[in-house]
Protein backbone atom coordinates (compact mmCIF):
# COMPACT_ATOMS: atom_id res chain seq x y z
CA MET A 1 147.01 73.93 76.15
CA SER A 2 145.84 77.46 75.47
CA GLU A 3 148.12 80.45 74.89
CA GLN A 4 146.47 82.20 77.79
CA SER A 5 147.24 79.41 80.26
CA LEU A 6 150.84 79.28 79.08
CA HIS A 7 151.23 82.98 79.82
CA GLN A 8 150.19 82.35 83.40
CA THR A 9 153.27 80.39 84.44
CA PHE A 10 156.75 81.78 85.02
CA THR A 11 159.34 79.00 85.20
CA LEU A 12 162.73 78.91 86.83
CA ALA A 13 164.42 78.73 83.44
CA GLN A 14 162.72 81.95 82.32
CA TYR A 15 163.61 83.62 85.61
CA ARG A 16 167.28 82.92 85.05
CA THR A 17 167.34 84.26 81.49
CA THR A 18 165.33 87.48 81.73
CA THR A 19 166.07 90.92 83.09
CA TYR A 20 164.75 92.11 86.44
CA LEU A 21 162.10 94.25 84.76
CA GLU A 22 160.96 91.39 82.53
CA ARG A 23 160.75 89.07 85.54
CA ALA A 24 158.83 91.57 87.64
CA SER A 25 156.36 92.39 84.88
CA ARG A 26 155.83 88.69 84.10
CA ILE A 27 155.15 87.89 87.76
CA ILE A 28 152.69 90.75 88.02
CA MET A 29 151.04 89.92 84.69
CA THR A 30 150.36 86.36 85.73
CA GLU A 31 149.60 86.64 89.43
CA TRP A 32 147.53 89.82 89.45
CA ASN A 33 145.79 90.09 86.12
CA PRO A 34 145.27 87.14 83.74
CA LYS A 35 143.74 89.50 81.15
CA ASN A 36 147.12 91.08 80.45
CA PRO A 37 148.20 88.52 77.80
CA ILE A 38 144.92 89.01 75.92
CA ALA A 39 145.37 92.78 75.82
CA LEU A 40 149.00 92.40 74.76
CA GLU A 41 148.08 90.13 71.85
CA ILE A 42 145.49 92.65 70.63
CA ILE A 43 147.96 95.54 70.88
CA GLU A 44 150.59 93.61 68.94
CA SER A 45 148.07 92.64 66.25
CA SER A 46 147.23 96.28 65.54
CA GLN A 47 148.65 98.48 62.79
CA LEU A 48 149.98 101.09 65.21
CA SER A 49 153.57 102.27 64.99
CA ALA A 50 156.12 100.18 66.82
CA ASN A 51 156.65 102.95 69.37
CA ASP A 52 152.92 103.32 70.09
CA GLN A 53 152.61 99.56 70.52
CA CYS A 54 155.48 99.60 72.98
CA LEU A 55 153.94 102.47 74.97
CA LEU A 56 150.67 100.59 75.32
CA ARG A 57 152.36 97.28 76.03
CA ARG A 58 154.54 98.72 78.79
CA SER A 59 151.50 100.47 80.29
CA VAL A 60 149.61 97.18 80.41
CA GLN A 61 152.62 95.66 82.18
CA CYS A 62 152.35 98.33 84.87
CA LEU A 63 154.32 97.40 87.98
CA LEU A 64 151.63 98.51 90.45
CA PRO A 65 149.80 95.64 92.14
CA GLY A 66 146.08 95.87 91.54
CA SER A 67 146.37 98.02 88.42
CA ASN A 68 143.94 97.04 85.70
CA ILE A 69 145.04 98.67 82.46
CA ALA A 70 144.46 95.43 80.54
CA GLU A 71 140.76 95.30 81.41
CA TYR A 72 140.46 99.03 80.65
CA VAL A 73 141.95 98.44 77.19
CA LEU A 74 139.66 95.48 76.52
CA ASP A 75 136.61 97.55 77.53
CA ARG A 76 137.61 100.44 75.23
CA ILE A 77 138.34 98.52 72.04
CA PRO A 78 135.51 97.42 69.69
CA HIS A 79 134.36 93.80 69.82
CA ASP A 80 134.86 91.53 66.81
CA GLY A 81 131.28 91.95 65.69
CA ASP A 82 131.60 95.71 65.81
CA ARG A 83 135.05 96.04 64.27
CA ARG A 84 135.27 98.47 61.40
CA THR A 85 138.33 99.35 59.33
CA GLY A 86 140.68 101.32 61.52
CA SER A 87 138.41 101.20 64.58
CA LEU A 88 140.85 99.11 66.62
CA GLU A 89 143.70 101.47 65.87
CA GLU A 90 141.52 104.49 66.60
CA ALA A 91 140.54 103.08 69.98
CA LEU A 92 144.13 102.22 70.89
CA LEU A 93 145.39 105.65 69.82
CA SER A 94 142.71 107.25 71.96
CA ILE A 95 143.86 105.17 74.94
CA LYS A 96 147.46 106.15 74.23
CA ASN A 97 146.59 109.85 74.17
CA ASP A 98 144.69 109.51 77.44
CA LEU A 99 147.64 107.74 79.06
CA VAL A 100 149.92 110.57 77.96
CA GLU A 101 147.51 113.20 79.27
CA LEU A 102 147.22 111.43 82.63
CA ALA A 103 151.02 111.28 82.89
CA GLN A 104 151.27 114.99 82.09
CA LYS A 105 148.80 115.81 84.85
CA ILE A 106 150.68 113.66 87.36
CA ASN A 107 153.86 115.57 86.44
CA GLY A 108 152.29 119.02 86.39
CA VAL A 109 154.45 121.91 87.58
CA ASN A 110 153.05 123.19 90.89
CA ALA A 111 154.30 126.10 92.94
CA VAL A 112 155.97 125.25 96.25
CA SER A 113 155.28 127.46 99.25
CA PRO A 114 158.25 129.44 100.68
CA ALA A 115 158.10 127.45 103.94
CA LEU A 116 158.12 124.11 102.12
CA ASP A 117 160.89 125.29 99.78
CA ALA A 118 163.04 126.27 102.75
CA ALA A 119 162.39 122.91 104.43
CA ILE A 120 163.34 120.85 101.37
CA ARG A 121 166.58 122.82 100.96
CA GLU A 122 167.40 122.21 104.61
CA ARG A 123 166.70 118.50 104.26
CA GLU A 124 168.87 118.19 101.16
CA ASN A 125 171.62 120.48 102.47
CA HIS A 126 171.14 122.71 99.40
CA ARG A 127 172.30 119.98 97.00
CA CYS A 128 170.62 118.12 94.17
CA ARG A 129 169.63 114.71 95.43
CA VAL A 130 170.78 113.01 92.21
CA THR A 131 173.87 114.89 91.00
CA GLY A 132 175.07 116.64 94.15
CA LYS A 133 175.15 119.98 92.35
CA THR A 134 174.35 123.18 94.24
CA ARG A 135 173.24 125.60 91.50
CA ASN A 136 169.84 126.18 89.85
CA LEU A 137 168.06 123.83 92.23
CA GLN A 138 164.29 123.53 92.23
CA ALA A 139 161.88 121.74 94.53
CA THR A 140 160.10 119.14 92.39
CA TYR A 141 156.90 117.35 93.29
CA ILE A 142 156.84 113.59 92.78
CA ILE A 143 153.05 113.67 92.28
CA ALA A 144 151.55 117.06 91.41
CA PRO A 145 149.08 118.07 94.20
CA SER A 146 146.98 119.86 91.57
CA ILE A 147 145.48 116.54 90.42
CA VAL A 148 143.06 116.58 93.38
CA ASP A 149 141.30 119.64 91.90
CA ASP A 150 141.45 118.49 88.27
CA LYS A 151 137.91 118.04 86.94
CA ASP A 152 139.05 115.27 84.60
CA LEU A 153 140.34 113.23 87.55
CA ARG A 154 137.47 113.74 89.98
CA PRO A 155 134.82 110.98 90.32
CA GLY A 156 132.89 110.93 87.04
CA GLY A 157 135.63 112.89 85.26
CA ARG A 158 136.82 112.05 81.76
CA LEU A 159 140.06 110.39 82.94
CA ARG A 160 138.89 109.03 86.28
CA ALA A 161 138.34 105.49 84.98
CA LEU A 162 141.84 105.44 83.49
CA LEU A 163 143.30 106.79 86.74
CA GLU A 164 141.61 103.98 88.71
CA ALA A 165 142.80 101.44 86.15
CA SER A 166 146.38 102.71 86.51
CA ILE A 167 146.21 103.04 90.30
CA PRO A 168 143.82 100.84 92.34
CA PRO A 169 140.75 102.87 93.49
CA LYS A 170 141.55 102.48 97.19
CA LEU A 171 145.06 103.75 96.57
CA VAL A 172 143.65 106.69 94.57
CA GLN A 173 141.54 107.71 97.56
CA GLN A 174 144.54 107.45 99.88
CA LEU A 175 146.66 109.43 97.42
CA PHE A 176 144.13 112.25 97.11
CA THR A 177 143.70 112.45 100.90
CA PHE A 178 147.47 112.67 101.32
CA LEU A 179 147.87 115.35 98.63
CA ARG A 180 145.25 117.56 100.33
CA SER A 181 147.36 117.72 103.48
CA ARG A 182 148.95 121.10 104.21
CA LYS A 183 151.46 119.74 106.72
CA ILE A 184 155.07 120.58 105.93
CA GLU A 185 156.07 116.99 106.78
CA ASP A 186 153.61 115.54 104.24
CA GLY A 187 154.77 118.01 101.60
CA LEU A 188 158.37 116.90 102.12
CA LYS A 189 157.38 113.28 101.56
CA ASN A 190 156.33 114.33 98.04
CA LEU A 191 159.38 116.40 97.09
CA TRP A 192 162.87 116.11 95.63
CA LEU A 193 165.39 118.92 95.25
CA LEU A 194 166.81 118.55 91.75
CA SER A 195 169.09 120.35 89.33
CA PRO A 196 167.75 121.09 85.80
CA SER A 197 168.85 117.94 83.94
CA PRO A 198 167.55 115.23 86.30
CA ARG A 199 164.46 117.32 86.97
CA HIS A 200 163.66 117.43 83.25
CA HIS A 201 164.18 113.69 82.81
CA PHE A 202 162.24 112.85 85.98
CA GLN A 203 159.25 114.90 84.85
CA HIS A 204 159.37 113.33 81.38
CA GLY A 205 159.40 109.74 82.60
CA SER A 206 162.93 108.98 81.41
CA ILE A 207 164.29 108.32 84.90
CA HIS A 208 162.68 107.18 88.10
CA ILE A 209 163.86 106.74 91.66
CA LEU A 210 162.87 103.72 93.73
CA ARG A 211 163.43 102.27 97.17
CA SER A 212 162.90 98.61 98.02
CA PRO A 213 160.54 96.90 97.77
CA THR A 214 160.02 97.94 94.17
CA PHE A 215 157.07 95.61 93.63
CA GLY A 216 154.50 93.90 95.81
CA PRO A 217 151.59 95.38 97.76
CA ILE A 218 151.74 99.09 98.59
CA ASP A 219 151.01 100.11 102.18
CA PHE A 220 150.42 103.80 101.57
CA SER A 221 149.65 104.62 105.19
CA ALA A 222 152.85 103.06 106.55
CA GLU A 223 155.83 105.22 107.44
CA GLU A 224 158.05 103.79 104.73
CA GLN A 225 161.15 105.97 104.71
CA LYS A 226 164.25 104.77 106.56
CA PRO A 227 167.36 106.95 106.41
CA GLN A 228 169.74 103.97 106.35
CA ASP A 229 168.17 102.44 103.23
CA LYS A 230 169.80 102.67 99.81
CA TRP A 231 167.82 104.09 96.93
CA LYS A 232 168.23 103.43 93.23
CA LEU A 233 167.86 105.68 90.20
CA GLU A 234 166.86 103.73 87.10
CA ILE A 235 167.08 105.04 83.55
CA ASN A 236 164.21 103.81 81.44
CA VAL A 237 164.95 101.70 78.38
CA PRO A 238 165.80 102.89 75.85
CA GLU A 239 168.20 105.27 77.53
CA VAL A 240 167.61 108.71 76.04
CA THR A 241 169.82 110.54 78.49
CA GLN A 242 173.34 110.09 79.76
CA LEU A 243 173.97 110.85 83.42
CA ASN A 244 177.70 110.24 83.32
CA ASP A 245 178.43 112.36 86.37
CA LEU A 246 176.79 109.80 88.65
CA ALA A 247 178.60 107.00 90.46
CA ARG A 248 177.32 103.63 89.23
CA ASP A 249 177.90 100.29 90.85
CA GLY A 250 179.34 97.23 89.12
CA HIS A 251 175.98 96.49 87.47
CA GLY A 252 175.71 99.98 85.95
CA GLN A 253 173.02 101.06 88.39
CA ILE A 254 173.00 104.43 90.14
CA ILE A 255 172.81 103.95 93.88
CA PHE A 256 172.64 106.70 96.48
CA GLU A 257 171.81 107.00 100.16
CA PRO A 258 169.37 109.78 101.04
CA THR A 259 169.91 111.20 104.49
CA THR A 260 168.03 113.73 106.53
CA PRO A 261 169.06 115.63 109.66
CA ASP A 262 165.61 115.04 111.16
CA ASN A 263 163.53 112.08 110.01
CA VAL A 264 160.48 113.32 111.92
CA HIS A 265 160.31 116.97 110.87
CA LEU A 266 162.29 116.64 107.60
CA PRO A 267 161.20 113.21 106.32
CA LEU A 268 162.39 111.56 103.12
CA PRO A 269 160.02 110.90 100.18
CA LYS A 270 157.44 108.11 100.43
CA ALA A 271 158.42 105.04 98.44
CA SER A 272 154.79 104.53 97.41
CA LEU A 273 154.66 107.94 95.69
CA LEU A 274 157.82 107.08 93.76
CA ARG A 275 156.32 103.79 92.59
CA ILE A 276 153.16 105.53 91.42
CA HIS A 277 155.22 108.13 89.57
CA SER A 278 157.36 105.45 87.93
CA ALA A 279 154.34 103.51 86.63
CA VAL A 280 152.14 106.39 85.48
CA SER A 281 154.87 108.62 83.97
CA LEU A 282 156.22 106.03 81.54
CA PRO A 283 154.13 107.18 78.51
CA LEU A 284 155.98 110.52 78.55
CA HIS A 285 159.24 108.66 77.99
CA PHE A 286 157.87 107.29 74.73
CA LEU A 287 156.95 110.79 73.57
CA VAL A 288 160.64 111.66 73.81
CA ILE A 289 161.46 108.57 71.77
CA GLU A 290 158.78 109.52 69.23
CA ASP A 291 160.47 112.88 68.69
CA GLN A 292 163.81 111.18 68.11
CA ILE A 293 162.27 108.71 65.66
CA ARG A 294 160.96 111.64 63.60
CA GLN A 295 164.51 112.96 63.33
CA GLY A 296 165.61 109.68 61.74
CA TRP A 297 168.72 107.61 62.31
CA PRO A 298 171.92 109.60 62.86
CA PRO A 299 174.44 109.34 60.02
CA VAL A 300 176.86 106.45 60.29
CA LYS A 301 180.16 107.78 61.57
CA LYS A 302 183.39 106.50 60.11
CA ASP A 303 185.29 104.85 62.94
CA TRP A 304 188.99 105.39 62.36
CA GLY A 305 189.72 103.01 65.23
CA ILE A 306 188.44 99.94 63.38
CA LEU A 307 191.20 97.49 62.56
CA GLY A 308 191.59 96.43 58.97
CA SER A 309 192.79 92.95 58.04
CA LEU A 310 196.43 94.09 58.19
CA GLY A 311 195.98 95.78 61.56
CA LEU A 312 194.18 92.72 62.90
CA SER A 313 197.01 90.45 61.78
CA LEU A 314 199.65 92.71 63.35
CA ILE A 315 197.93 93.00 66.71
CA ARG A 316 197.38 89.23 66.85
CA LYS A 317 201.11 88.69 66.36
CA PHE A 318 202.01 91.38 68.87
CA VAL A 319 199.73 89.99 71.57
CA HIS A 320 201.32 86.56 71.41
CA PHE A 321 204.77 88.01 72.01
CA VAL A 322 203.51 89.16 75.42
CA PRO A 323 203.95 86.53 78.16
CA THR A 324 200.73 84.80 79.20
CA SER A 325 201.08 85.82 82.85
CA LEU A 326 201.38 89.47 81.87
CA ARG A 327 198.35 89.27 79.57
CA ILE A 328 196.28 87.68 82.34
CA ALA A 329 197.32 90.39 84.80
CA LEU A 330 196.47 93.09 82.27
CA TYR A 331 193.05 91.64 81.45
CA ARG A 332 192.24 91.27 85.14
CA TYR A 333 193.15 94.89 85.76
CA ILE A 334 191.00 96.01 82.83
CA ILE A 335 187.99 93.92 83.89
CA TYR A 336 188.07 94.78 87.57
CA GLY A 337 189.02 98.38 86.99
CA LYS A 338 189.98 100.94 89.55
CA PHE A 339 186.59 101.25 91.21
CA PHE A 340 184.26 98.40 90.27
CA TYR A 341 183.97 95.14 88.38
CA SER A 342 182.48 94.81 84.92
CA ARG A 343 182.17 91.54 82.98
CA ASN A 344 183.47 93.27 79.86
CA ARG A 345 185.20 96.48 78.84
CA HIS A 346 185.45 98.57 75.69
CA LEU A 347 189.00 99.52 74.72
CA PRO A 348 190.54 101.93 72.20
CA PHE A 349 191.02 100.87 68.57
CA ASN A 350 187.62 99.16 68.56
CA LEU A 351 188.80 96.41 70.88
CA TYR A 352 186.84 94.59 73.56
CA VAL A 353 187.86 92.39 76.48
CA LYS A 354 185.48 90.08 78.33
CA ARG A 355 185.61 87.55 81.15
CA VAL A 356 184.05 84.15 80.39
CA ARG A 357 183.71 80.91 82.34
CA HIS A 358 186.49 78.85 80.84
CA PRO A 359 184.54 75.79 79.53
CA SER A 360 182.50 78.03 77.24
CA LEU A 361 185.50 80.28 76.54
CA TYR A 362 187.19 77.56 74.49
CA ASN A 363 183.96 76.98 72.59
CA GLU A 364 183.38 80.67 71.88
CA ALA A 365 186.95 81.17 70.71
CA ASN A 366 186.63 78.24 68.32
CA ALA A 367 183.22 79.43 67.11
CA LEU A 368 184.69 82.82 66.21
CA ARG A 369 187.49 81.09 64.31
CA LEU A 370 184.98 78.99 62.36
CA VAL A 371 182.82 82.00 61.49
CA GLU A 372 185.83 84.02 60.32
CA LYS A 373 187.16 81.11 58.27
CA HIS A 374 183.96 79.97 56.55
CA THR A 375 181.73 83.06 56.54
CA PRO A 376 184.00 86.12 56.78
CA ILE A 377 181.30 88.59 55.72
CA ILE A 378 179.20 87.87 58.83
CA PRO A 379 179.62 90.84 61.22
CA ALA A 380 180.93 88.78 64.14
CA PRO A 381 183.78 89.88 66.42
CA ARG A 382 187.26 88.83 65.33
CA LEU A 383 189.19 86.82 67.90
CA ILE A 384 192.57 88.26 68.86
CA ASP A 385 193.48 86.45 72.06
CA PHE A 386 192.11 84.25 74.81
CA VAL A 387 193.79 82.99 77.96
CA VAL A 388 192.70 80.83 80.88
CA PRO A 389 194.49 81.25 84.23
CA VAL A 390 195.51 78.04 85.96
CA ALA A 391 194.43 77.46 89.56
CA GLU A 392 197.41 77.35 91.88
CA GLY A 393 198.16 74.42 94.15
CA ASN A 394 195.30 72.12 95.09
CA ASP A 395 192.70 74.87 95.33
CA LYS A 396 190.39 74.05 92.41
CA ARG A 397 187.78 76.53 93.66
CA ARG A 398 189.89 79.60 92.99
CA TYR A 399 187.71 82.20 91.32
CA TYR A 400 190.33 83.10 88.74
CA GLY A 401 190.87 79.45 87.92
CA ASN A 402 187.26 79.13 86.75
CA CYS A 403 187.33 82.04 84.32
CA GLY A 404 189.21 83.10 81.25
CA TYR A 405 189.66 86.29 79.26
CA MET A 406 189.01 87.01 75.62
CA LEU A 407 190.20 89.93 73.49
CA THR A 408 188.21 90.61 70.31
CA THR A 409 187.17 93.39 68.01
CA ARG A 410 184.02 95.24 69.01
CA ALA A 411 180.65 95.23 67.26
CA ARG A 412 179.53 98.47 65.67
CA GLY A 413 176.27 100.21 66.47
CA ALA A 414 173.87 99.73 69.36
CA ARG A 415 172.39 96.66 71.02
CA LEU A 416 169.04 95.69 69.60
CA ASP A 417 167.33 95.77 72.99
CA HIS A 418 168.05 99.53 73.02
CA ALA A 419 167.77 100.35 69.34
CA ILE A 420 164.54 98.43 68.73
CA TYR A 421 162.51 101.26 70.25
CA TRP A 422 163.61 103.55 67.42
CA MET A 423 162.88 101.00 64.71
CA THR A 424 159.74 101.10 62.60
CA HIS A 425 157.97 97.92 61.50
CA GLU A 426 159.78 98.27 58.17
CA ASP A 427 163.15 98.56 59.95
CA ARG A 428 162.40 95.44 61.97
CA LYS A 429 161.37 93.51 58.89
CA GLN A 430 164.62 94.48 57.13
CA LEU A 431 166.63 93.49 60.20
CA GLY A 432 164.98 90.07 60.09
CA VAL A 433 165.95 89.73 56.42
CA ASP A 434 169.56 90.75 57.22
CA LEU A 435 169.71 88.29 60.09
CA GLY A 436 168.24 85.53 57.92
CA LYS A 437 171.03 85.98 55.36
CA CYS A 438 173.63 85.53 58.11
CA ILE A 439 171.89 82.46 59.51
CA SER A 440 171.76 80.91 56.04
CA GLN A 441 175.51 81.45 55.68
CA TRP A 442 176.62 80.09 59.03
CA ARG A 443 174.39 77.05 58.52
CA HIS A 444 176.93 76.01 55.89
CA ILE A 445 179.79 75.83 58.41
CA PRO A 446 180.80 72.14 58.40
CA ASN A 447 180.98 69.94 61.46
CA ASP A 448 184.52 68.58 61.42
CA ASN A 449 183.76 66.26 64.33
CA ASN A 450 183.17 63.25 62.11
CA SER A 451 182.35 60.73 64.81
CA PRO A 452 178.78 59.38 64.55
CA SER A 453 178.33 60.15 68.24
CA THR A 454 179.01 63.87 67.77
CA LEU A 455 176.23 64.93 65.44
CA ILE A 456 174.90 67.40 68.01
CA THR A 457 177.81 68.94 69.84
CA SER A 458 179.76 72.05 70.71
CA THR A 459 182.11 73.45 68.07
CA LEU A 460 184.86 71.36 69.70
CA GLY A 461 183.03 68.03 69.59
CA GLY A 462 182.17 67.93 73.29
CA PRO A 463 179.01 68.74 75.25
CA ALA A 464 177.10 71.70 73.88
CA TYR A 465 176.62 74.74 76.08
CA ASP A 466 173.22 76.33 76.54
CA HIS A 467 171.43 78.36 79.22
CA GLN A 468 168.30 76.28 78.74
CA PHE A 469 170.09 73.23 80.09
CA GLU A 470 171.45 75.19 83.06
CA ASP A 471 174.16 73.05 84.69
CA LYS A 472 173.26 69.81 82.91
CA GLN A 473 175.53 68.57 80.14
CA CYS A 474 174.03 68.82 76.69
CA GLY A 475 175.37 65.88 74.74
CA PRO A 476 177.14 65.21 72.59
CA PHE A 477 174.30 63.36 70.85
CA SER A 478 174.26 61.05 67.87
CA SER A 479 170.76 62.05 66.70
CA THR A 480 168.06 64.69 67.04
CA VAL A 481 165.97 62.10 68.89
CA GLU A 482 168.62 61.86 71.62
CA PHE A 483 168.62 65.66 71.83
CA ALA A 484 164.83 65.66 72.22
CA ASP A 485 165.10 62.94 74.87
CA SER A 486 167.39 65.21 76.87
CA LEU A 487 164.92 68.08 76.60
CA THR A 488 162.05 65.88 77.76
CA GLU A 489 163.98 63.90 80.37
CA TYR A 490 161.29 64.38 83.02
CA LEU A 491 158.34 64.13 80.62
CA GLN A 492 158.80 60.68 79.15
CA ASP A 493 155.09 59.88 79.25
CA GLN A 494 154.38 62.99 77.14
CA ARG A 495 156.87 62.37 74.33
CA GLY A 496 154.40 60.75 71.96
CA LYS A 497 151.70 63.37 72.47
CA PRO A 498 151.31 66.89 71.11
CA PRO A 499 153.07 69.22 71.37
CA LEU A 500 156.25 67.30 72.33
CA ALA A 501 155.79 64.69 69.59
CA THR A 502 156.82 67.38 67.10
CA LEU A 503 160.40 67.24 68.43
CA TYR A 504 160.64 63.58 67.37
CA LYS A 505 160.27 64.10 63.63
CA PRO A 506 162.85 61.86 61.93
CA ASP A 507 163.99 64.27 59.24
CA TYR A 508 165.42 67.21 61.19
CA ARG A 509 168.65 68.59 59.81
CA VAL A 510 171.54 69.65 62.06
CA PHE A 511 173.25 72.99 61.47
CA PHE A 512 175.85 75.24 62.99
CA THR A 513 173.82 77.38 65.38
CA HIS A 514 174.54 80.55 67.35
CA SER A 515 172.03 79.39 70.01
CA ASP A 516 171.52 82.74 71.74
CA LEU A 517 170.13 85.34 69.33
CA HIS A 518 168.82 87.42 72.21
CA GLN A 519 168.36 91.14 71.56
CA THR A 520 171.41 91.90 73.71
CA ASN A 521 173.56 89.87 71.29
CA ILE A 522 172.39 91.59 68.09
CA PHE A 523 173.73 95.01 67.10
CA VAL A 524 172.23 97.46 64.62
CA GLU A 525 173.44 100.66 63.01
CA ALA A 526 171.05 102.98 61.18
CA GLY A 527 168.44 100.25 61.40
CA ARG A 528 170.57 97.57 59.72
CA LEU A 529 172.32 94.56 61.20
CA SER A 530 175.87 95.48 62.23
CA GLY A 531 176.98 92.75 64.62
CA VAL A 532 176.25 89.38 66.24
CA ILE A 533 178.14 88.75 69.50
CA ASP A 534 178.41 86.20 72.35
CA TRP A 535 179.04 82.91 70.55
CA GLU A 536 179.76 80.88 73.69
CA HIS A 537 176.72 78.62 73.12
CA ALA A 538 177.41 78.03 69.44
CA GLY A 539 177.46 74.48 68.20
CA PHE A 540 175.77 71.99 65.91
CA LYS A 541 172.12 71.58 66.88
CA PRO A 542 168.73 70.71 65.34
CA GLU A 543 167.56 73.19 62.75
CA TYR A 544 164.64 74.52 64.83
CA TRP A 545 166.86 75.37 67.81
CA GLU A 546 168.12 78.70 66.46
CA TYR A 547 164.52 79.93 66.25
CA THR A 548 162.95 78.45 69.37
CA ARG A 549 165.93 78.99 71.68
CA SER A 550 166.21 82.66 70.69
CA LEU A 551 162.64 83.25 71.87
CA LEU A 552 163.21 81.75 75.32
CA ALA A 553 163.41 85.11 77.12
CA TYR A 554 160.43 86.52 75.19
CA TRP A 555 157.96 83.70 75.85
CA GLY A 556 157.80 83.11 72.11
CA ARG A 557 156.04 86.36 71.28
CA GLY A 558 156.39 90.08 70.68
CA GLU A 559 158.62 92.13 68.42
CA HIS A 560 161.52 89.66 68.61
CA LYS A 561 159.33 86.92 67.22
CA PHE A 562 158.34 89.25 64.38
CA ILE A 563 162.01 89.79 63.52
CA LEU A 564 162.86 86.08 63.65
CA ASP A 565 159.82 85.21 61.54
CA GLN A 566 161.38 87.31 58.76
CA ALA A 567 164.73 85.55 59.22
CA PHE A 568 163.54 81.97 58.67
CA GLU A 569 161.91 80.58 55.55
CA GLU A 570 160.96 77.45 57.50
CA ASP A 571 157.91 77.32 59.73
CA TYR A 572 158.92 76.26 63.24
CA SER A 573 155.65 77.21 64.93
CA GLU A 574 154.97 73.64 66.09
CA GLU A 575 158.44 73.37 67.58
CA LEU A 576 157.88 76.70 69.32
CA GLU A 577 154.69 75.36 70.89
CA ALA A 578 156.65 72.35 72.13
CA GLN A 579 159.26 74.66 73.63
CA LYS A 580 156.58 76.75 75.33
CA TYR A 581 155.23 73.59 76.88
CA LEU A 582 158.70 72.69 78.13
CA TRP A 583 159.28 76.17 79.55
CA LYS A 584 155.99 75.86 81.41
CA VAL A 585 156.06 72.39 82.91
CA ASP A 586 159.75 71.60 83.41
CA PRO A 587 161.45 73.84 85.99
CA VAL A 588 164.74 71.96 85.60
CA ILE A 589 165.41 73.01 82.00
């Protein structure tokens, strides 16, 4: 089965283990443009900087239906027979510069007429739509009307082909017709009233504002705005700005409800314009990141709140003098907070409390104990306390009865899924080396479950936990063959054929395995590994599982694969192909 065909399927298992943006981009990549995976492979094979690769990759994964950046890229790069040294990189850099220039034109600063300025202030009640502030407000176009008169964007212009690759040609025509309108109502549909900070970040692609539906076909001519609808401000990853004065919901999103005193004469912005702005402005966000990369990593700050071994011992003893019921009540209050729920909370003194489903809570707690006992130099959290509330009476469905709470130390640095954008190829290679040293150490943690039937098991000797198995029990198993049988439960007729036959090699070793080295579970500081968190899926599993399972959310490719390739001396490429096949054809796993 070809790599290209594998990219064209998005399974239920992948859906459940990826972010919204990853899911949306994967759906669009596969359903609307099968050339996207080819363009992505070429971009990732180039010698461009990591940031430039990411800019191009995210542009190819544009969330506008009908966009065709991938084909545009493939048309611009030299063919194999015409490839000279550096010519691929030169072509890609030229495309990058054109994408940036197009984004700058879309975000051009245009004067607003006095009548339109007065109307937008009336609609917004003289307040910034995002922050609610009333000073230094400025009417801000979503799409600069000046693009209709830009010679580079007219038919035959230098950037017209790129414009029509970024925005479908029919939509470009509708957009230009709309922008030529001199009606006050149409002008209002293309305006926000913003204070300086959100205005700056909006015009530099670091934030965007969307209203549902955020993907799917765009009906530009429809009257899309509805005053009762909720709108969402999203901060692009990596987050280069902090908007702490905004009210976020329990998922960290910024939700607000635009209102207007007159939806006919003072209409709200068109959702289609906001989607176009979000897709086309993204390259400017990576220019901001590029500037920060040039400044280098900030110096590592000494954290006086970090507990030493003595402090850790004292707080462990203190916690266990507190009655269990009081600890549970305290953890619940911390997790649910005064205003909204969060699955975890940072506390003073470098402490961290999280809520975990109780079957995996016991396993994670034991995994942290094993790591601290056998490999104390690994930068894993240190367990301080964990408690599991007991359901009262006969009600086994009580929400609190299904969850427990864990108190640990906190990892230093930033999550890799944020920090990776600042990391050069050399930084990423070094991170892979650092991670490989940790993996080599925790592979020496012994399995004290000596029963022959518990070769592959959780850290406690019971069923292993893993997202890939969803709600099915994973073992325990007495051999790697039994483990493979569980993976291929619905593909029995394929077990002896490539690529699944690879999983039935008789000589696989079984090691202690983290089982979820996703970028959100790896922390870095100044480009070096500083923490590995979320050990709830840890257990003893076949040697290839650490590698293949960690690439589940990345479809076995991209910058995360590059990092993991540095971490493992062994070649698990055949096992990865088997996993890709499973991710494609088995929606149960």
